[in-house]
Amino acid sequence: MKDGADQRIHFGLVVIVLATSLSAQVLAPTQTHDKIPPPVETASLDKTLVPSSVKPHDGSFVIGNDDLLAINVWKEPDISRSIPVRPDGRISLPLVGELQAAGRTPLQLEQEIAGKLRNYIAEPEVAVIVQQINSAKFNILGEVAKPGSYSLVGETTVLDAIAAAGGFKDFAKQKSIYILRPNPGGGGENRIAFNYKDVIKGKKTEQNIKLEPRDTVIVP
């Protein structure tokens, strides 16, 4: 009897071991074909699906005529577009209509567009970015090949302005150039001397100042 009981116990242990081995083989993924794909990173999805709360513009910048604006309304491609500010300072958008853009900051324009879109869209997300600044201009007059008004792009110096205007005419007084800069508070202009001959020789290079909007370079 004892031998029979031992045989039954031994047989039961064998069955348990075989069952455990088979279940492990079924559940465990193979290393060559059944690789489990990595989990989807929800953070990366959020970056593409959720509009950023950080607006890429300077809140102190004031939009002007001829500036090129990129207006993006999240999930509304029919409204989103690049649009220039007209000479009358206004723009026109679907569902929004006419808006005054010149004289306002991008943030102010965002808020007005969003307010008008709430009549049609629940919680509209609007971003206004100044793609190209065309309203900031300087003038160069006098004995240059192409006098006139030019867009102030980037950090434009007096030498850059002269080059943009095609250089000097034959009788230009290159040592007597000056810049007229309106005073910030209004009422008159500040006169800044510029000696072209000295600057190109590496002397008094501080005279080659960066121009500001509404500066006028005079080449006598």
N, C-alpha and C. Protein backbone atom coordinates (compact mmCIF):
# COMPACT_ATOMS: atom_id res chain seq x y z
N MET A 1 0.82 -1.21 0.00
CA MET A 1 0.00 0.00 0.00
C MET A 1 0.85 1.25 0.00
N LYS A 2 1.92 1.15 0.77
CA LYS A 2 2.78 2.34 0.84
C LYS A 2 3.41 2.61 -0.50
N ASP A 3 3.84 1.52 -1.21
CA ASP A 3 4.45 1.74 -2.52
C ASP A 3 3.45 2.35 -3.49
N GLY A 4 2.21 1.94 -3.43
CA GLY A 4 1.19 2.51 -4.33
C GLY A 4 0.96 3.98 -4.04
N ALA A 5 0.93 4.35 -2.77
CA ALA A 5 0.74 5.77 -2.41
C ALA A 5 1.90 6.60 -2.90
N ASP A 6 3.11 6.06 -2.76
CA ASP A 6 4.28 6.81 -3.24
C ASP A 6 4.23 7.01 -4.74
N GLN A 7 3.76 5.97 -5.46
CA GLN A 7 3.68 6.11 -6.91
C GLN A 7 2.68 7.19 -7.31
N ARG A 8 1.51 7.18 -6.56
CA ARG A 8 0.51 8.22 -6.90
C ARG A 8 1.07 9.62 -6.62
N ILE A 9 1.80 9.83 -5.55
CA ILE A 9 2.37 11.15 -5.22
C ILE A 9 3.38 11.56 -6.29
N HIS A 10 4.22 10.55 -6.67
CA HIS A 10 5.24 10.84 -7.69
C HIS A 10 4.58 11.24 -9.01
N PHE A 11 3.53 10.51 -9.41
CA PHE A 11 2.83 10.83 -10.65
C PHE A 11 2.20 12.22 -10.61
N GLY A 12 1.63 12.59 -9.46
CA GLY A 12 1.01 13.92 -9.33
C GLY A 12 2.03 15.02 -9.46
N LEU A 13 3.20 14.81 -8.89
CA LEU A 13 4.25 15.85 -8.99
C LEU A 13 4.70 16.02 -10.43
N VAL A 14 4.79 14.93 -11.15
CA VAL A 14 5.19 15.00 -12.57
C VAL A 14 4.18 15.81 -13.36
N VAL A 15 2.90 15.54 -13.10
CA VAL A 15 1.83 16.28 -13.82
C VAL A 15 1.92 17.76 -13.55
N ILE A 16 2.13 18.13 -12.28
CA ILE A 16 2.22 19.55 -11.91
C ILE A 16 3.39 20.22 -12.60
N VAL A 17 4.55 19.54 -12.60
CA VAL A 17 5.75 20.11 -13.24
C VAL A 17 5.52 20.30 -14.73
N LEU A 18 4.91 19.31 -15.41
CA LEU A 18 4.65 19.43 -16.85
C LEU A 18 3.67 20.56 -17.14
N ALA A 19 2.63 20.68 -16.32
CA ALA A 19 1.63 21.73 -16.54
C ALA A 19 2.25 23.11 -16.39
N THR A 20 3.10 23.24 -15.36
CA THR A 20 3.76 24.53 -15.13
C THR A 20 4.67 24.89 -16.29
N SER A 21 5.41 23.91 -16.80
CA SER A 21 6.33 24.15 -17.91
C SER A 21 5.57 24.56 -19.16
N LEU A 22 4.45 23.88 -19.45
CA LEU A 22 3.67 24.20 -20.65
C LEU A 22 3.06 25.60 -20.57
N SER A 23 2.53 25.95 -19.39
CA SER A 23 1.91 27.28 -19.25
C SER A 23 2.94 28.37 -19.40
N ALA A 24 4.15 28.14 -18.91
CA ALA A 24 5.21 29.15 -19.04
C ALA A 24 5.59 29.34 -20.50
N GLN A 25 5.62 28.23 -21.28
CA GLN A 25 5.95 28.35 -22.69
C GLN A 25 4.88 29.08 -23.46
N VAL A 26 3.62 28.88 -23.08
CA VAL A 26 2.52 29.55 -23.78
C VAL A 26 2.50 31.04 -23.48
N LEU A 27 2.74 31.41 -22.22
CA LEU A 27 2.61 32.80 -21.81
C LEU A 27 3.83 33.62 -22.17
N ALA A 28 5.02 33.03 -22.12
CA ALA A 28 6.23 33.82 -22.34
C ALA A 28 6.39 34.12 -23.81
N PRO A 29 6.62 35.41 -24.22
CA PRO A 29 6.81 35.75 -25.64
C PRO A 29 8.16 35.28 -26.12
N THR A 30 8.23 34.83 -27.36
CA THR A 30 9.51 34.43 -27.92
C THR A 30 10.37 35.65 -28.13
N GLN A 31 11.68 35.46 -28.14
CA GLN A 31 12.60 36.59 -28.24
C GLN A 31 12.82 37.02 -29.67
N THR A 32 12.43 36.21 -30.65
CA THR A 32 12.76 36.53 -32.04
C THR A 32 11.58 37.10 -32.80
N HIS A 33 10.34 36.65 -32.50
CA HIS A 33 9.20 37.03 -33.34
C HIS A 33 8.13 37.78 -32.59
N ASP A 34 7.95 37.50 -31.28
CA ASP A 34 6.80 38.05 -30.56
C ASP A 34 7.19 39.18 -29.62
N LYS A 35 8.00 40.12 -30.13
CA LYS A 35 8.41 41.23 -29.29
C LYS A 35 7.22 42.16 -29.01
N ILE A 36 7.08 42.54 -27.79
CA ILE A 36 5.98 43.44 -27.42
C ILE A 36 6.35 44.86 -27.80
N PRO A 37 5.50 45.56 -28.55
CA PRO A 37 5.84 46.92 -28.98
C PRO A 37 5.94 47.84 -27.78
N PRO A 38 6.86 48.84 -27.85
CA PRO A 38 7.01 49.76 -26.72
C PRO A 38 5.75 50.57 -26.52
N PRO A 39 5.48 51.00 -25.30
CA PRO A 39 4.28 51.80 -25.04
C PRO A 39 4.32 53.13 -25.77
N VAL A 40 3.16 53.62 -26.20
CA VAL A 40 3.06 54.91 -26.88
C VAL A 40 3.29 56.02 -25.86
N GLU A 41 4.18 56.96 -26.20
CA GLU A 41 4.46 58.07 -25.31
C GLU A 41 3.38 59.12 -25.45
N THR A 42 2.57 59.24 -24.44
CA THR A 42 1.47 60.21 -24.50
C THR A 42 1.97 61.63 -24.49
N ALA A 43 3.16 61.83 -23.92
CA ALA A 43 3.68 63.21 -23.89
C ALA A 43 3.94 63.72 -25.28
N SER A 44 4.48 62.82 -26.20
CA SER A 44 4.75 63.26 -27.56
C SER A 44 3.46 63.55 -28.30
N LEU A 45 2.40 62.79 -28.02
CA LEU A 45 1.12 63.06 -28.66
C LEU A 45 0.57 64.40 -28.21
N ASP A 46 0.74 64.70 -26.92
CA ASP A 46 0.23 65.96 -26.42
C ASP A 46 0.87 67.13 -27.12
N LYS A 47 2.17 66.99 -27.47
CA LYS A 47 2.87 68.10 -28.11
C LYS A 47 2.30 68.39 -29.49
N THR A 48 1.80 67.35 -30.17
CA THR A 48 1.31 67.56 -31.52
C THR A 48 -0.18 67.87 -31.58
N LEU A 49 -0.91 67.43 -30.56
CA LEU A 49 -2.36 67.59 -30.61
C LEU A 49 -2.87 68.77 -29.79
N VAL A 50 -2.09 69.21 -28.83
CA VAL A 50 -2.55 70.29 -27.96
C VAL A 50 -1.79 71.56 -28.29
N PRO A 51 -2.46 72.67 -28.53
CA PRO A 51 -1.76 73.91 -28.87
C PRO A 51 -0.93 74.39 -27.70
N SER A 52 0.24 74.95 -28.02
CA SER A 52 1.13 75.43 -26.97
C SER A 52 0.56 76.67 -26.32
N SER A 53 0.74 76.76 -25.01
CA SER A 53 0.27 77.94 -24.29
C SER A 53 1.29 79.07 -24.36
N VAL A 54 2.49 78.77 -24.88
CA VAL A 54 3.51 79.80 -25.00
C VAL A 54 3.44 80.39 -26.40
N LYS A 55 3.07 81.62 -26.49
CA LYS A 55 2.92 82.27 -27.79
C LYS A 55 4.27 82.86 -28.23
N PRO A 56 4.72 82.50 -29.47
CA PRO A 56 6.04 82.94 -29.91
C PRO A 56 6.02 84.36 -30.46
N HIS A 57 5.68 85.32 -29.64
CA HIS A 57 5.76 86.72 -30.07
C HIS A 57 6.05 87.60 -28.88
N ASP A 58 6.52 88.80 -29.18
CA ASP A 58 6.83 89.78 -28.15
C ASP A 58 5.58 90.61 -27.92
N GLY A 59 5.11 90.62 -26.67
CA GLY A 59 3.88 91.34 -26.35
C GLY A 59 4.01 92.84 -26.48
N SER A 60 5.24 93.35 -26.56
CA SER A 60 5.42 94.80 -26.67
C SER A 60 5.46 95.28 -28.12
N PHE A 61 5.57 94.34 -29.09
CA PHE A 61 5.65 94.74 -30.49
C PHE A 61 4.29 95.23 -30.97
N VAL A 62 4.30 96.33 -31.72
CA VAL A 62 3.07 96.91 -32.26
C VAL A 62 3.03 96.65 -33.76
N ILE A 63 1.97 96.01 -34.20
CA ILE A 63 1.78 95.69 -35.62
C ILE A 63 1.60 96.97 -36.43
N GLY A 64 2.16 96.98 -37.63
CA GLY A 64 2.03 98.13 -38.52
C GLY A 64 1.53 97.74 -39.89
N ASN A 65 1.26 98.74 -40.71
CA ASN A 65 0.81 98.49 -42.09
C ASN A 65 1.87 97.69 -42.85
N ASP A 66 1.42 96.78 -43.69
CA ASP A 66 2.25 95.95 -44.55
C ASP A 66 2.96 94.80 -43.82
N ASP A 67 2.84 94.71 -42.50
CA ASP A 67 3.41 93.56 -41.80
C ASP A 67 2.67 92.29 -42.23
N LEU A 68 3.41 91.19 -42.33
CA LEU A 68 2.82 89.91 -42.71
C LEU A 68 2.55 89.10 -41.45
N LEU A 69 1.28 88.73 -41.25
CA LEU A 69 0.86 88.02 -40.06
C LEU A 69 0.52 86.56 -40.40
N ALA A 70 0.90 85.66 -39.49
CA ALA A 70 0.45 84.26 -39.56
C ALA A 70 -0.59 84.08 -38.47
N ILE A 71 -1.83 83.83 -38.87
CA ILE A 71 -2.93 83.65 -37.92
C ILE A 71 -3.33 82.18 -37.93
N ASN A 72 -3.14 81.52 -36.80
CA ASN A 72 -3.42 80.09 -36.68
C ASN A 72 -4.55 79.86 -35.68
N VAL A 73 -5.60 79.21 -36.15
CA VAL A 73 -6.71 78.83 -35.28
C VAL A 73 -6.69 77.31 -35.21
N TRP A 74 -6.48 76.78 -34.01
CA TRP A 74 -6.30 75.34 -33.83
C TRP A 74 -7.50 74.56 -34.35
N LYS A 75 -7.18 73.56 -35.22
CA LYS A 75 -8.17 72.68 -35.83
C LYS A 75 -9.12 73.40 -36.79
N GLU A 76 -8.74 74.60 -37.25
CA GLU A 76 -9.57 75.35 -38.20
C GLU A 76 -8.71 75.81 -39.36
N PRO A 77 -8.33 74.88 -40.26
CA PRO A 77 -7.45 75.27 -41.38
C PRO A 77 -8.09 76.26 -42.35
N ASP A 78 -9.41 76.31 -42.42
CA ASP A 78 -10.07 77.24 -43.33
C ASP A 78 -9.96 78.68 -42.87
N ILE A 79 -9.68 78.87 -41.58
CA ILE A 79 -9.53 80.22 -41.06
C ILE A 79 -8.06 80.60 -40.93
N SER A 80 -7.22 79.63 -40.62
CA SER A 80 -5.79 79.88 -40.45
C SER A 80 -5.17 80.27 -41.78
N ARG A 81 -4.30 81.28 -41.75
CA ARG A 81 -3.68 81.75 -42.99
C ARG A 81 -2.60 82.79 -42.70
N SER A 82 -1.76 83.05 -43.70
CA SER A 82 -0.85 84.19 -43.67
C SER A 82 -1.52 85.33 -44.40
N ILE A 83 -1.49 86.51 -43.80
CA ILE A 83 -2.22 87.63 -44.37
C ILE A 83 -1.47 88.93 -44.09
N PRO A 84 -1.31 89.79 -45.11
CA PRO A 84 -0.65 91.07 -44.86
C PRO A 84 -1.63 92.10 -44.31
N VAL A 85 -1.11 93.01 -43.52
CA VAL A 85 -1.92 94.12 -43.03
C VAL A 85 -2.04 95.14 -44.16
N ARG A 86 -3.26 95.50 -44.50
CA ARG A 86 -3.49 96.41 -45.62
C ARG A 86 -3.01 97.82 -45.30
N PRO A 87 -2.87 98.68 -46.32
CA PRO A 87 -2.46 100.06 -46.07
C PRO A 87 -3.39 100.82 -45.13
N ASP A 88 -4.65 100.39 -45.02
CA ASP A 88 -5.56 101.05 -44.08
C ASP A 88 -5.44 100.47 -42.67
N GLY A 89 -4.48 99.53 -42.49
CA GLY A 89 -4.23 98.98 -41.15
C GLY A 89 -5.16 97.85 -40.75
N ARG A 90 -5.96 97.32 -41.68
CA ARG A 90 -6.96 96.33 -41.32
C ARG A 90 -6.67 94.99 -42.02
N ILE A 91 -7.28 93.92 -41.49
CA ILE A 91 -7.24 92.60 -42.11
C ILE A 91 -8.66 92.05 -42.16
N SER A 92 -8.85 90.99 -42.93
CA SER A 92 -10.16 90.36 -43.04
C SER A 92 -9.99 88.85 -42.93
N LEU A 93 -10.85 88.22 -42.08
CA LEU A 93 -10.81 86.78 -41.87
C LEU A 93 -12.20 86.17 -41.99
N PRO A 94 -12.31 84.92 -42.45
CA PRO A 94 -13.61 84.24 -42.47
C PRO A 94 -14.19 84.14 -41.06
N LEU A 95 -15.50 84.32 -40.95
CA LEU A 95 -16.27 84.28 -39.71
C LEU A 95 -15.99 85.49 -38.80
N VAL A 96 -14.87 86.13 -38.99
CA VAL A 96 -14.47 87.25 -38.13
C VAL A 96 -14.80 88.58 -38.78
N GLY A 97 -14.55 88.67 -40.08
CA GLY A 97 -14.79 89.93 -40.79
C GLY A 97 -13.60 90.86 -40.70
N GLU A 98 -13.87 92.16 -40.76
CA GLU A 98 -12.83 93.18 -40.75
C GLU A 98 -12.34 93.44 -39.33
N LEU A 99 -11.01 93.56 -39.19
CA LEU A 99 -10.41 93.85 -37.89
C LEU A 99 -9.31 94.90 -38.07
N GLN A 100 -9.17 95.78 -37.09
CA GLN A 100 -8.05 96.71 -37.06
C GLN A 100 -6.84 95.98 -36.49
N ALA A 101 -5.76 95.89 -37.26
CA ALA A 101 -4.55 95.19 -36.82
C ALA A 101 -3.43 96.16 -36.49
N ALA A 102 -3.25 97.19 -37.33
CA ALA A 102 -2.16 98.15 -37.09
C ALA A 102 -2.41 98.91 -35.80
N GLY A 103 -1.33 99.11 -35.06
CA GLY A 103 -1.43 99.82 -33.79
C GLY A 103 -1.75 98.93 -32.61
N ARG A 104 -1.84 97.62 -32.83
CA ARG A 104 -2.16 96.68 -31.76
C ARG A 104 -1.04 95.65 -31.65
N THR A 105 -0.95 95.02 -30.48
CA THR A 105 0.03 93.96 -30.30
C THR A 105 -0.58 92.64 -30.80
N PRO A 106 0.27 91.66 -31.12
CA PRO A 106 -0.26 90.34 -31.51
C PRO A 106 -1.20 89.75 -30.46
N LEU A 107 -0.87 89.94 -29.18
CA LEU A 107 -1.72 89.39 -28.12
C LEU A 107 -3.11 90.04 -28.14
N GLN A 108 -3.17 91.35 -28.34
CA GLN A 108 -4.47 92.02 -28.40
C GLN A 108 -5.28 91.52 -29.59
N LEU A 109 -4.60 91.31 -30.70
CA LEU A 109 -5.30 90.82 -31.89
C LEU A 109 -5.79 89.39 -31.68
N GLU A 110 -4.98 88.55 -31.03
CA GLU A 110 -5.41 87.19 -30.70
C GLU A 110 -6.71 87.21 -29.91
N GLN A 111 -6.74 88.05 -28.90
CA GLN A 111 -7.90 88.09 -28.01
C GLN A 111 -9.15 88.54 -28.75
N GLU A 112 -9.02 89.51 -29.65
CA GLU A 112 -10.21 89.96 -30.38
C GLU A 112 -10.71 88.90 -31.35
N ILE A 113 -9.77 88.26 -32.06
CA ILE A 113 -10.17 87.20 -32.99
C ILE A 113 -10.86 86.07 -32.24
N ALA A 114 -10.28 85.66 -31.11
CA ALA A 114 -10.88 84.58 -30.33
C ALA A 114 -12.27 84.97 -29.84
N GLY A 115 -12.44 86.23 -29.43
CA GLY A 115 -13.74 86.68 -28.95
C GLY A 115 -14.81 86.61 -30.03
N LYS A 116 -14.46 86.97 -31.25
CA LYS A 116 -15.43 86.93 -32.34
C LYS A 116 -15.72 85.50 -32.79
N LEU A 117 -14.71 84.62 -32.67
CA LEU A 117 -14.91 83.23 -33.10
C LEU A 117 -15.75 82.43 -32.11
N ARG A 118 -15.90 82.93 -30.88
CA ARG A 118 -16.70 82.19 -29.90
C ARG A 118 -18.17 82.08 -30.30
N ASN A 119 -18.58 82.92 -31.23
CA ASN A 119 -19.95 82.81 -31.74
C ASN A 119 -20.13 81.56 -32.60
N TYR A 120 -19.01 80.99 -33.06
CA TYR A 120 -19.08 79.85 -33.98
C TYR A 120 -18.31 78.62 -33.47
N ILE A 121 -17.26 78.85 -32.65
CA ILE A 121 -16.38 77.78 -32.21
C ILE A 121 -16.28 77.81 -30.69
N ALA A 122 -16.39 76.64 -30.08
CA ALA A 122 -16.26 76.56 -28.63
C ALA A 122 -14.78 76.65 -28.25
N GLU A 123 -14.46 77.60 -27.40
CA GLU A 123 -13.11 77.80 -26.88
C GLU A 123 -12.05 77.80 -27.99
N PRO A 124 -12.09 78.76 -28.90
CA PRO A 124 -11.09 78.81 -29.97
C PRO A 124 -9.70 79.14 -29.44
N GLU A 125 -8.71 78.44 -29.98
CA GLU A 125 -7.31 78.70 -29.65
C GLU A 125 -6.67 79.45 -30.81
N VAL A 126 -6.26 80.70 -30.58
CA VAL A 126 -5.76 81.56 -31.65
C VAL A 126 -4.33 81.98 -31.34
N ALA A 127 -3.46 81.93 -32.35
CA ALA A 127 -2.10 82.44 -32.23
C ALA A 127 -1.84 83.39 -33.40
N VAL A 128 -1.32 84.57 -33.09
CA VAL A 128 -0.95 85.55 -34.11
C VAL A 128 0.56 85.75 -34.04
N ILE A 129 1.23 85.47 -35.13
CA ILE A 129 2.69 85.60 -35.20
C ILE A 129 3.03 86.57 -36.33
N VAL A 130 3.93 87.50 -36.06
CA VAL A 130 4.40 88.43 -37.08
C VAL A 130 5.49 87.71 -37.87
N GLN A 131 5.14 87.28 -39.08
CA GLN A 131 6.09 86.54 -39.90
C GLN A 131 7.15 87.45 -40.50
N GLN A 132 6.74 88.64 -40.90
CA GLN A 132 7.67 89.56 -41.55
C GLN A 132 7.29 90.99 -41.19
N ILE A 133 8.28 91.73 -40.73
CA ILE A 133 8.05 93.12 -40.34
C ILE A 133 8.36 94.02 -41.53
N ASN A 134 7.33 94.59 -42.11
CA ASN A 134 7.49 95.51 -43.24
C ASN A 134 7.16 96.94 -42.87
N SER A 135 6.58 97.14 -41.69
CA SER A 135 6.16 98.48 -41.28
C SER A 135 7.33 99.31 -40.75
N ALA A 136 8.38 98.63 -40.22
CA ALA A 136 9.54 99.35 -39.72
C ALA A 136 10.42 99.73 -40.91
N LYS A 137 10.56 101.02 -41.14
CA LYS A 137 11.29 101.50 -42.31
C LYS A 137 12.28 102.59 -41.93
N PHE A 138 13.28 102.77 -42.76
CA PHE A 138 14.19 103.91 -42.65
C PHE A 138 14.27 104.60 -44.00
N ASN A 139 14.71 105.83 -43.99
CA ASN A 139 14.86 106.59 -45.23
C ASN A 139 16.33 106.89 -45.47
N ILE A 140 16.72 106.93 -46.72
CA ILE A 140 18.05 107.40 -47.09
C ILE A 140 17.88 108.36 -48.27
N LEU A 141 18.39 109.56 -48.11
CA LEU A 141 18.17 110.63 -49.08
C LEU A 141 19.49 111.28 -49.46
N GLY A 142 19.46 111.97 -50.59
CA GLY A 142 20.64 112.72 -51.02
C GLY A 142 21.40 112.03 -52.13
N GLU A 143 22.72 112.12 -52.07
CA GLU A 143 23.59 111.69 -53.16
C GLU A 143 23.89 110.19 -53.13
N VAL A 144 22.82 109.41 -53.25
CA VAL A 144 22.95 107.95 -53.39
C VAL A 144 22.23 107.53 -54.66
N ALA A 145 22.54 106.33 -55.13
CA ALA A 145 21.99 105.88 -56.41
C ALA A 145 20.48 105.67 -56.34
N LYS A 146 19.98 105.14 -55.23
CA LYS A 146 18.55 104.83 -55.11
C LYS A 146 18.00 105.37 -53.79
N PRO A 147 17.80 106.68 -53.70
CA PRO A 147 17.22 107.22 -52.47
C PRO A 147 15.79 106.75 -52.29
N GLY A 148 15.34 106.67 -51.05
CA GLY A 148 13.96 106.26 -50.80
C GLY A 148 13.79 105.66 -49.43
N SER A 149 12.67 104.93 -49.26
CA SER A 149 12.31 104.30 -48.00
C SER A 149 12.54 102.80 -48.11
N TYR A 150 13.16 102.21 -47.08
CA TYR A 150 13.51 100.79 -47.10
C TYR A 150 13.03 100.12 -45.83
N SER A 151 12.69 98.84 -45.94
CA SER A 151 12.28 98.07 -44.77
C SER A 151 13.48 97.84 -43.87
N LEU A 152 13.24 97.99 -42.58
CA LEU A 152 14.30 97.80 -41.60
C LEU A 152 14.29 96.33 -41.17
N VAL A 153 15.14 95.54 -41.81
CA VAL A 153 15.17 94.10 -41.59
C VAL A 153 16.39 93.76 -40.75
N GLY A 154 16.17 93.11 -39.61
CA GLY A 154 17.28 92.71 -38.76
C GLY A 154 18.01 93.92 -38.20
N GLU A 155 19.31 93.75 -38.02
CA GLU A 155 20.14 94.82 -37.47
C GLU A 155 20.82 95.56 -38.63
N THR A 156 20.15 96.58 -39.15
CA THR A 156 20.64 97.35 -40.29
C THR A 156 21.49 98.52 -39.79
N THR A 157 22.72 98.60 -40.26
CA THR A 157 23.61 99.69 -39.88
C THR A 157 23.60 100.77 -40.97
N VAL A 158 24.33 101.86 -40.71
CA VAL A 158 24.42 102.93 -41.71
C VAL A 158 25.09 102.42 -42.98
N LEU A 159 26.13 101.62 -42.83
CA LEU A 159 26.79 101.04 -44.01
C LEU A 159 25.82 100.15 -44.79
N ASP A 160 25.00 99.38 -44.08
CA ASP A 160 23.99 98.55 -44.75
C ASP A 160 23.02 99.41 -45.54
N ALA A 161 22.63 100.54 -44.96
CA ALA A 161 21.68 101.43 -45.63
C ALA A 161 22.28 102.01 -46.91
N ILE A 162 23.54 102.39 -46.83
CA ILE A 162 24.21 102.94 -48.02
C ILE A 162 24.31 101.87 -49.11
N ALA A 163 24.63 100.66 -48.72
CA ALA A 163 24.71 99.57 -49.70
C ALA A 163 23.35 99.29 -50.32
N ALA A 164 22.29 99.29 -49.48
CA ALA A 164 20.94 99.03 -49.99
C ALA A 164 20.52 100.10 -51.00
N ALA A 165 21.02 101.32 -50.81
CA ALA A 165 20.66 102.42 -51.72
C ALA A 165 21.56 102.49 -52.94
N GLY A 166 22.40 101.50 -53.13
CA GLY A 166 23.21 101.44 -54.36
C GLY A 166 24.51 102.20 -54.31
N GLY A 167 24.90 102.67 -53.12
CA GLY A 167 26.16 103.39 -53.02
C GLY A 167 26.03 104.87 -53.35
N PHE A 168 27.17 105.55 -53.38
CA PHE A 168 27.19 107.01 -53.55
C PHE A 168 27.17 107.42 -55.02
N LYS A 169 26.66 108.59 -55.24
CA LYS A 169 26.86 109.26 -56.52
C LYS A 169 28.24 109.91 -56.51
N ASP A 170 28.64 110.45 -57.67
CA ASP A 170 30.01 110.92 -57.84
C ASP A 170 30.40 112.04 -56.87
N PHE A 171 29.49 112.94 -56.56
CA PHE A 171 29.85 114.12 -55.78
C PHE A 171 29.34 114.07 -54.34
N ALA A 172 29.08 112.88 -53.86
CA ALA A 172 28.62 112.74 -52.47
C ALA A 172 29.72 113.14 -51.50
N LYS A 173 29.33 113.86 -50.46
CA LYS A 173 30.28 114.28 -49.42
C LYS A 173 30.31 113.18 -48.35
N GLN A 174 31.20 112.23 -48.56
CA GLN A 174 31.21 111.01 -47.75
C GLN A 174 31.65 111.24 -46.31
N LYS A 175 32.29 112.37 -46.04
CA LYS A 175 32.72 112.67 -44.67
C LYS A 175 31.65 113.42 -43.87
N SER A 176 30.58 113.83 -44.53
CA SER A 176 29.60 114.72 -43.89
C SER A 176 28.20 114.09 -43.80
N ILE A 177 28.14 112.78 -43.85
CA ILE A 177 26.84 112.10 -43.75
C ILE A 177 26.32 112.23 -42.32
N TYR A 178 25.02 112.27 -42.18
CA TYR A 178 24.43 112.30 -40.83
C TYR A 178 23.08 111.60 -40.83
N ILE A 179 22.68 111.21 -39.64
CA ILE A 179 21.40 110.50 -39.44
C ILE A 179 20.50 111.38 -38.61
N LEU A 180 19.26 111.54 -39.04
CA LEU A 180 18.24 112.26 -38.28
C LEU A 180 17.35 111.23 -37.59
N ARG A 181 17.32 111.30 -36.27
CA ARG A 181 16.55 110.33 -35.48
C ARG A 181 15.51 111.08 -34.64
N PRO A 182 14.21 110.79 -34.85
CA PRO A 182 13.18 111.48 -34.07
C PRO A 182 13.36 111.23 -32.57
N ASN A 183 13.16 112.27 -31.78
CA ASN A 183 13.22 112.13 -30.33
C ASN A 183 12.08 111.25 -29.85
N PRO A 184 12.33 110.39 -28.85
CA PRO A 184 11.28 109.47 -28.38
C PRO A 184 10.01 110.17 -27.91
N GLY A 185 10.16 111.31 -27.27
CA GLY A 185 8.98 112.01 -26.77
C GLY A 185 8.34 112.94 -27.78
N GLY A 186 8.87 112.94 -29.00
CA GLY A 186 8.36 113.86 -30.01
C GLY A 186 9.02 115.22 -29.87
N GLY A 187 8.77 116.06 -30.84
CA GLY A 187 9.32 117.41 -30.79
C GLY A 187 10.78 117.48 -31.19
N GLY A 188 11.06 117.39 -32.46
CA GLY A 188 12.42 117.55 -32.95
C GLY A 188 13.12 116.23 -33.23
N GLU A 189 14.35 116.39 -33.73
CA GLU A 189 15.15 115.23 -34.11
C GLU A 189 16.57 115.37 -33.58
N ASN A 190 17.20 114.24 -33.39
CA ASN A 190 18.59 114.21 -32.97
C ASN A 190 19.46 113.95 -34.19
N ARG A 191 20.54 114.74 -34.32
CA ARG A 191 21.42 114.61 -35.49
C ARG A 191 22.68 113.84 -35.08
N ILE A 192 22.98 112.75 -35.82
CA ILE A 192 24.10 111.88 -35.51
C ILE A 192 25.05 111.87 -36.70
N ALA A 193 26.31 112.25 -36.46
CA ALA A 193 27.30 112.35 -37.54
C ALA A 193 27.81 110.97 -37.95
N PHE A 194 28.17 110.87 -39.24
CA PHE A 194 28.74 109.63 -39.77
C PHE A 194 29.76 109.98 -40.84
N ASN A 195 31.04 109.63 -40.58
CA ASN A 195 32.12 109.87 -41.52
C ASN A 195 32.46 108.55 -42.20
N TYR A 196 31.99 108.40 -43.41
CA TYR A 196 32.17 107.15 -44.15
C TYR A 196 33.65 106.81 -44.34
N LYS A 197 34.47 107.81 -44.65
CA LYS A 197 35.90 107.58 -44.89
C LYS A 197 36.58 106.99 -43.66
N ASP A 198 36.25 107.51 -42.49
CA ASP A 198 36.85 106.99 -41.26
C ASP A 198 36.39 105.57 -40.97
N VAL A 199 35.11 105.33 -41.11
CA VAL A 199 34.55 104.03 -40.73
C VAL A 199 35.13 102.90 -41.58
N ILE A 200 35.25 103.11 -42.87
CA ILE A 200 35.76 102.04 -43.72
C ILE A 200 37.26 101.80 -43.51
N LYS A 201 37.94 102.77 -42.87
CA LYS A 201 39.36 102.59 -42.53
C LYS A 201 39.52 101.99 -41.13
N GLY A 202 38.39 101.68 -40.47
CA GLY A 202 38.46 101.10 -39.14
C GLY A 202 38.56 102.13 -38.04
N LYS A 203 38.34 103.40 -38.34
CA LYS A 203 38.38 104.47 -37.35
C LYS A 203 36.95 104.86 -36.97
N LYS A 204 36.77 105.18 -35.72
CA LYS A 204 35.46 105.66 -35.23
C LYS A 204 34.33 104.75 -35.71
N THR A 205 34.55 103.45 -35.56
CA THR A 205 33.55 102.49 -36.03
C THR A 205 32.25 102.56 -35.23
N GLU A 206 32.28 103.21 -34.06
CA GLU A 206 31.06 103.37 -33.27
C GLU A 206 30.03 104.25 -33.98
N GLN A 207 30.50 104.99 -35.01
CA GLN A 207 29.56 105.80 -35.79
C GLN A 207 28.63 104.94 -36.66
N ASN A 208 29.05 103.73 -36.93
CA ASN A 208 28.23 102.83 -37.77
C ASN A 208 27.13 102.22 -36.92
N ILE A 209 26.18 103.06 -36.53
CA ILE A 209 25.13 102.67 -35.58
C ILE A 209 24.07 101.80 -36.25
N LYS A 210 23.33 101.09 -35.42
CA LYS A 210 22.16 100.34 -35.92
C LYS A 210 21.00 101.31 -36.07
N LEU A 211 20.39 101.28 -37.23
CA LEU A 211 19.28 102.18 -37.51
C LEU A 211 18.01 101.74 -36.78
N GLU A 212 17.17 102.71 -36.47
CA GLU A 212 15.89 102.48 -35.83
C GLU A 212 14.77 102.92 -36.76
N PRO A 213 13.56 102.41 -36.52
CA PRO A 213 12.43 102.84 -37.37
C PRO A 213 12.31 104.37 -37.41
N ARG A 214 12.09 104.87 -38.63
CA ARG A 214 11.90 106.31 -38.91
C ARG A 214 13.21 107.10 -38.93
N ASP A 215 14.36 106.43 -38.81
CA ASP A 215 15.64 107.12 -39.02
C ASP A 215 15.75 107.56 -40.46
N THR A 216 16.44 108.68 -40.68
CA THR A 216 16.69 109.17 -42.04
C THR A 216 18.19 109.43 -42.20
N VAL A 217 18.79 108.73 -43.15
CA VAL A 217 20.21 108.91 -43.45
C VAL A 217 20.31 109.97 -44.56
N ILE A 218 21.09 111.03 -44.29
CA ILE A 218 21.27 112.11 -45.26
C ILE A 218 22.67 112.05 -45.81
N VAL A 219 22.79 111.97 -47.13
CA VAL A 219 24.09 111.97 -47.81
C VAL A 219 24.16 113.25 -48.63
N PRO A 220 24.85 114.30 -48.10
CA PRO A 220 24.88 115.57 -48.83
C PRO A 220 25.67 115.50 -50.14
